Amino acid sequence: MSVFDTLQETAFKGLYPKFYGFKLALKFNKRKSAVEIKNFGEKAIEEINNTLVLMDMYIASGIKSGLIKKHDPFFMEHERMLFDAEKKWIKKAIKIFG
């Protein structure tokens, strides 16, 4: 596997950059099939969902223990909005390219 292929697969997982990784991988796609793109999209959505669960757990435990700052949930809500928008876009990309 080439360096490009390795980086593309990492981007398809939505891991780099934090947001828009899937878009980056899809835009420069030359070799991935529609089935592979669909699979990568579903995995990226799963990764986003896992991140959202972890964020909720962090907020819940931090509030309970008093370890998070009062405004932390506000900032995390912005990240949640970005993740939700990314999931919506990936679902649309799967319909078009997958």
N, C-alpha and C. Protein backbone atom coordinates (compact mmCIF):
# COMPACT_ATOMS: atom_id res chain seq x y z
N MET A 1 0.85 -1.18 0.00
CA MET A 1 0.00 0.00 0.00
C MET A 1 0.90 1.24 0.00
N SER A 2 0.56 2.20 -0.87
CA SER A 2 1.36 3.42 -0.96
C SER A 2 1.06 4.36 0.20
N VAL A 3 1.92 5.35 0.35
CA VAL A 3 1.71 6.37 1.39
C VAL A 3 0.40 7.10 1.12
N PHE A 4 0.12 7.40 -0.14
CA PHE A 4 -1.13 8.07 -0.50
C PHE A 4 -2.32 7.24 -0.05
N ASP A 5 -2.31 5.94 -0.36
CA ASP A 5 -3.42 5.07 0.02
C ASP A 5 -3.61 5.03 1.53
N THR A 6 -2.51 4.97 2.26
CA THR A 6 -2.58 4.95 3.72
C THR A 6 -3.19 6.24 4.25
N LEU A 7 -2.72 7.38 3.74
CA LEU A 7 -3.26 8.67 4.18
C LEU A 7 -4.72 8.83 3.77
N GLN A 8 -5.06 8.33 2.58
CA GLN A 8 -6.44 8.43 2.11
C GLN A 8 -7.36 7.63 3.03
N GLU A 9 -6.95 6.42 3.40
CA GLU A 9 -7.79 5.61 4.29
C GLU A 9 -7.93 6.27 5.65
N THR A 10 -6.87 6.89 6.14
CA THR A 10 -6.96 7.61 7.41
C THR A 10 -7.96 8.76 7.29
N ALA A 11 -7.90 9.48 6.19
CA ALA A 11 -8.82 10.60 5.97
C ALA A 11 -10.25 10.10 5.83
N PHE A 12 -10.45 8.98 5.11
CA PHE A 12 -11.80 8.43 4.95
C PHE A 12 -12.42 8.11 6.31
N LYS A 13 -11.62 7.75 7.27
CA LYS A 13 -12.13 7.44 8.61
C LYS A 13 -12.52 8.70 9.36
N GLY A 14 -12.25 9.86 8.76
CA GLY A 14 -12.62 11.12 9.39
C GLY A 14 -11.68 11.51 10.51
N LEU A 15 -10.50 10.89 10.56
CA LEU A 15 -9.59 11.14 11.66
C LEU A 15 -8.64 12.29 11.40
N TYR A 16 -8.40 12.63 10.14
CA TYR A 16 -7.51 13.73 9.82
C TYR A 16 -8.04 14.46 8.61
N PRO A 17 -8.24 15.71 8.65
CA PRO A 17 -8.30 16.46 9.90
C PRO A 17 -9.52 16.05 10.70
N LYS A 18 -9.66 16.59 11.89
CA LYS A 18 -10.74 16.14 12.78
C LYS A 18 -12.09 16.18 12.07
N PHE A 19 -12.38 17.26 11.42
CA PHE A 19 -13.57 17.37 10.59
C PHE A 19 -13.12 17.43 9.14
N TYR A 20 -13.93 16.95 8.27
CA TYR A 20 -13.71 17.02 6.83
C TYR A 20 -12.70 16.01 6.29
N GLY A 21 -12.27 15.06 7.10
CA GLY A 21 -11.35 14.04 6.60
C GLY A 21 -11.96 13.23 5.48
N PHE A 22 -13.21 12.86 5.63
CA PHE A 22 -13.89 12.07 4.61
C PHE A 22 -13.95 12.86 3.30
N LYS A 23 -14.25 14.14 3.39
CA LYS A 23 -14.33 15.00 2.20
C LYS A 23 -12.98 15.04 1.48
N LEU A 24 -11.93 15.20 2.24
CA LEU A 24 -10.59 15.25 1.67
C LEU A 24 -10.27 13.96 0.91
N ALA A 25 -10.57 12.81 1.54
CA ALA A 25 -10.30 11.53 0.90
C ALA A 25 -11.15 11.33 -0.34
N LEU A 26 -12.42 11.72 -0.28
CA LEU A 26 -13.33 11.55 -1.41
C LEU A 26 -12.95 12.44 -2.58
N LYS A 27 -12.57 13.66 -2.29
CA LYS A 27 -12.24 14.62 -3.35
C LYS A 27 -11.06 14.14 -4.20
N PHE A 28 -10.09 13.50 -3.56
CA PHE A 28 -8.90 13.06 -4.29
C PHE A 28 -8.93 11.57 -4.59
N ASN A 29 -10.11 10.96 -4.52
CA ASN A 29 -10.22 9.53 -4.76
C ASN A 29 -9.96 9.20 -6.23
N LYS A 30 -9.12 8.21 -6.43
CA LYS A 30 -8.83 7.73 -7.78
C LYS A 30 -9.09 6.22 -7.90
N ARG A 31 -9.00 5.49 -6.77
CA ARG A 31 -9.03 4.03 -6.86
C ARG A 31 -10.10 3.34 -6.03
N LYS A 32 -10.73 4.02 -5.12
CA LYS A 32 -11.70 3.37 -4.25
C LYS A 32 -13.03 3.20 -4.98
N SER A 33 -13.60 2.01 -4.85
CA SER A 33 -14.88 1.72 -5.51
C SER A 33 -16.04 2.33 -4.73
N ALA A 34 -17.22 2.31 -5.35
CA ALA A 34 -18.42 2.81 -4.68
C ALA A 34 -18.69 2.04 -3.39
N VAL A 35 -18.49 0.74 -3.42
CA VAL A 35 -18.70 -0.08 -2.22
C VAL A 35 -17.72 0.31 -1.12
N GLU A 36 -16.46 0.53 -1.48
CA GLU A 36 -15.46 0.94 -0.49
C GLU A 36 -15.80 2.31 0.09
N ILE A 37 -16.24 3.23 -0.76
CA ILE A 37 -16.61 4.56 -0.29
C ILE A 37 -17.78 4.46 0.69
N LYS A 38 -18.78 3.64 0.35
CA LYS A 38 -19.92 3.44 1.25
C LYS A 38 -19.45 2.89 2.59
N ASN A 39 -18.58 1.89 2.55
CA ASN A 39 -18.07 1.30 3.79
C ASN A 39 -17.28 2.31 4.62
N PHE A 40 -16.43 3.09 3.95
CA PHE A 40 -15.68 4.13 4.66
C PHE A 40 -16.63 5.15 5.27
N GLY A 41 -17.67 5.53 4.54
CA GLY A 41 -18.64 6.49 5.04
C GLY A 41 -19.35 5.97 6.28
N GLU A 42 -19.76 4.72 6.23
CA GLU A 42 -20.44 4.13 7.39
C GLU A 42 -19.50 4.05 8.60
N LYS A 43 -18.24 3.73 8.35
CA LYS A 43 -17.27 3.67 9.44
C LYS A 43 -17.00 5.06 10.01
N ALA A 44 -16.95 6.08 9.14
CA ALA A 44 -16.72 7.44 9.60
C ALA A 44 -17.89 7.91 10.48
N ILE A 45 -19.10 7.57 10.08
CA ILE A 45 -20.28 7.92 10.88
C ILE A 45 -20.24 7.20 12.22
N GLU A 46 -19.83 5.95 12.20
CA GLU A 46 -19.69 5.19 13.46
C GLU A 46 -18.66 5.84 14.37
N GLU A 47 -17.55 6.28 13.80
CA GLU A 47 -16.51 6.95 14.57
C GLU A 47 -17.03 8.25 15.18
N ILE A 48 -17.78 9.00 14.41
CA ILE A 48 -18.37 10.24 14.91
C ILE A 48 -19.34 9.93 16.05
N ASN A 49 -20.19 8.92 15.87
CA ASN A 49 -21.14 8.55 16.92
C ASN A 49 -20.41 8.14 18.19
N ASN A 50 -19.32 7.39 18.06
CA ASN A 50 -18.54 7.00 19.24
C ASN A 50 -17.96 8.23 19.95
N THR A 51 -17.48 9.17 19.17
CA THR A 51 -16.94 10.40 19.74
C THR A 51 -18.02 11.17 20.50
N LEU A 52 -19.22 11.23 19.93
CA LEU A 52 -20.32 11.93 20.59
C LEU A 52 -20.70 11.26 21.91
N VAL A 53 -20.68 9.94 21.93
CA VAL A 53 -20.97 9.21 23.18
C VAL A 53 -19.91 9.55 24.23
N LEU A 54 -18.65 9.55 23.82
CA LEU A 54 -17.57 9.89 24.76
C LEU A 54 -17.70 11.32 25.28
N MET A 55 -18.10 12.23 24.41
CA MET A 55 -18.31 13.61 24.83
C MET A 55 -19.41 13.69 25.89
N ASP A 56 -20.51 12.97 25.65
CA ASP A 56 -21.61 12.97 26.62
C ASP A 56 -21.17 12.38 27.95
N MET A 57 -20.39 11.31 27.90
CA MET A 57 -19.89 10.69 29.13
C MET A 57 -18.98 11.65 29.88
N TYR A 58 -18.14 12.35 29.15
CA TYR A 58 -17.22 13.32 29.77
C TYR A 58 -18.01 14.43 30.47
N ILE A 59 -19.00 14.96 29.78
CA ILE A 59 -19.80 16.03 30.37
C ILE A 59 -20.53 15.53 31.61
N ALA A 60 -21.16 14.37 31.50
CA ALA A 60 -21.91 13.82 32.64
C ALA A 60 -21.01 13.57 33.84
N SER A 61 -19.86 12.98 33.60
CA SER A 61 -18.96 12.68 34.72
C SER A 61 -18.33 13.96 35.28
N GLY A 62 -18.05 14.90 34.40
CA GLY A 62 -17.44 16.16 34.84
C GLY A 62 -18.40 17.01 35.66
N ILE A 63 -19.66 17.02 35.25
CA ILE A 63 -20.66 17.77 36.01
C ILE A 63 -20.86 17.13 37.38
N LYS A 64 -20.96 15.81 37.37
CA LYS A 64 -21.18 15.07 38.62
C LYS A 64 -20.02 15.28 39.59
N SER A 65 -18.81 15.25 39.09
CA SER A 65 -17.62 15.37 39.95
C SER A 65 -17.21 16.83 40.18
N GLY A 66 -17.75 17.74 39.39
CA GLY A 66 -17.38 19.14 39.53
C GLY A 66 -16.05 19.47 38.89
N LEU A 67 -15.54 18.59 38.01
CA LEU A 67 -14.21 18.79 37.41
C LEU A 67 -14.23 19.61 36.12
N ILE A 68 -15.39 19.79 35.52
CA ILE A 68 -15.39 20.59 34.30
C ILE A 68 -15.85 22.01 34.61
N LYS A 69 -15.42 22.91 33.76
CA LYS A 69 -15.78 24.31 33.94
C LYS A 69 -17.23 24.53 33.50
N LYS A 70 -17.81 25.53 34.02
CA LYS A 70 -19.21 25.84 33.75
C LYS A 70 -19.49 25.97 32.25
N HIS A 71 -18.56 26.54 31.50
CA HIS A 71 -18.77 26.80 30.07
C HIS A 71 -18.34 25.64 29.16
N ASP A 72 -17.71 24.61 29.70
CA ASP A 72 -17.27 23.49 28.86
C ASP A 72 -18.39 22.87 28.03
N PRO A 73 -19.56 22.59 28.61
CA PRO A 73 -20.64 22.02 27.79
C PRO A 73 -21.05 22.93 26.62
N PHE A 74 -20.95 24.24 26.83
CA PHE A 74 -21.27 25.18 25.75
C PHE A 74 -20.33 24.99 24.56
N PHE A 75 -19.04 24.90 24.83
CA PHE A 75 -18.06 24.71 23.75
C PHE A 75 -18.19 23.33 23.12
N MET A 76 -18.47 22.34 23.92
CA MET A 76 -18.64 20.99 23.39
C MET A 76 -19.89 20.89 22.53
N GLU A 77 -20.89 21.69 22.83
CA GLU A 77 -22.10 21.70 22.01
C GLU A 77 -21.77 22.17 20.59
N HIS A 78 -20.84 23.11 20.47
CA HIS A 78 -20.42 23.56 19.14
C HIS A 78 -19.76 22.40 18.38
N GLU A 79 -18.92 21.65 19.05
CA GLU A 79 -18.30 20.48 18.41
C GLU A 79 -19.36 19.47 17.99
N ARG A 80 -20.37 19.28 18.84
CA ARG A 80 -21.46 18.36 18.51
C ARG A 80 -22.17 18.83 17.23
N MET A 81 -22.41 20.12 17.12
CA MET A 81 -23.06 20.66 15.92
C MET A 81 -22.21 20.40 14.68
N LEU A 82 -20.89 20.56 14.80
CA LEU A 82 -20.00 20.29 13.67
C LEU A 82 -20.02 18.81 13.30
N PHE A 83 -19.97 17.94 14.32
CA PHE A 83 -20.03 16.50 14.05
C PHE A 83 -21.36 16.11 13.40
N ASP A 84 -22.46 16.68 13.87
CA ASP A 84 -23.77 16.36 13.28
C ASP A 84 -23.83 16.81 11.82
N ALA A 85 -23.28 17.99 11.53
CA ALA A 85 -23.25 18.47 10.15
C ALA A 85 -22.38 17.56 9.28
N GLU A 86 -21.26 17.10 9.82
CA GLU A 86 -20.37 16.21 9.08
C GLU A 86 -21.07 14.88 8.79
N LYS A 87 -21.79 14.33 9.78
CA LYS A 87 -22.53 13.09 9.56
C LYS A 87 -23.55 13.26 8.44
N LYS A 88 -24.27 14.37 8.47
CA LYS A 88 -25.28 14.64 7.44
C LYS A 88 -24.64 14.70 6.05
N TRP A 89 -23.48 15.35 5.97
CA TRP A 89 -22.79 15.48 4.68
C TRP A 89 -22.27 14.12 4.21
N ILE A 90 -21.73 13.32 5.11
CA ILE A 90 -21.22 11.99 4.75
C ILE A 90 -22.36 11.11 4.25
N LYS A 91 -23.50 11.17 4.90
CA LYS A 91 -24.66 10.39 4.43
C LYS A 91 -25.06 10.79 3.01
N LYS A 92 -25.01 12.07 2.73
CA LYS A 92 -25.32 12.56 1.38
C LYS A 92 -24.26 12.08 0.38
N ALA A 93 -22.99 12.12 0.79
CA ALA A 93 -21.90 11.66 -0.09
C ALA A 93 -22.03 10.18 -0.39
N ILE A 94 -22.46 9.41 0.59
CA ILE A 94 -22.66 7.96 0.38
C ILE A 94 -23.73 7.74 -0.69
N LYS A 95 -24.80 8.53 -0.65
CA LYS A 95 -25.87 8.39 -1.66
C LYS A 95 -25.36 8.72 -3.06
N ILE A 96 -24.48 9.70 -3.16
CA ILE A 96 -23.99 10.13 -4.47
C ILE A 96 -22.86 9.23 -4.98
N PHE A 97 -21.91 8.89 -4.13
CA PHE A 97 -20.70 8.19 -4.56
C PHE A 97 -20.67 6.71 -4.17
N GLY A 98 -21.51 6.32 -3.23
CA GLY A 98 -21.43 4.95 -2.68
C GLY A 98 -22.38 3.97 -3.31
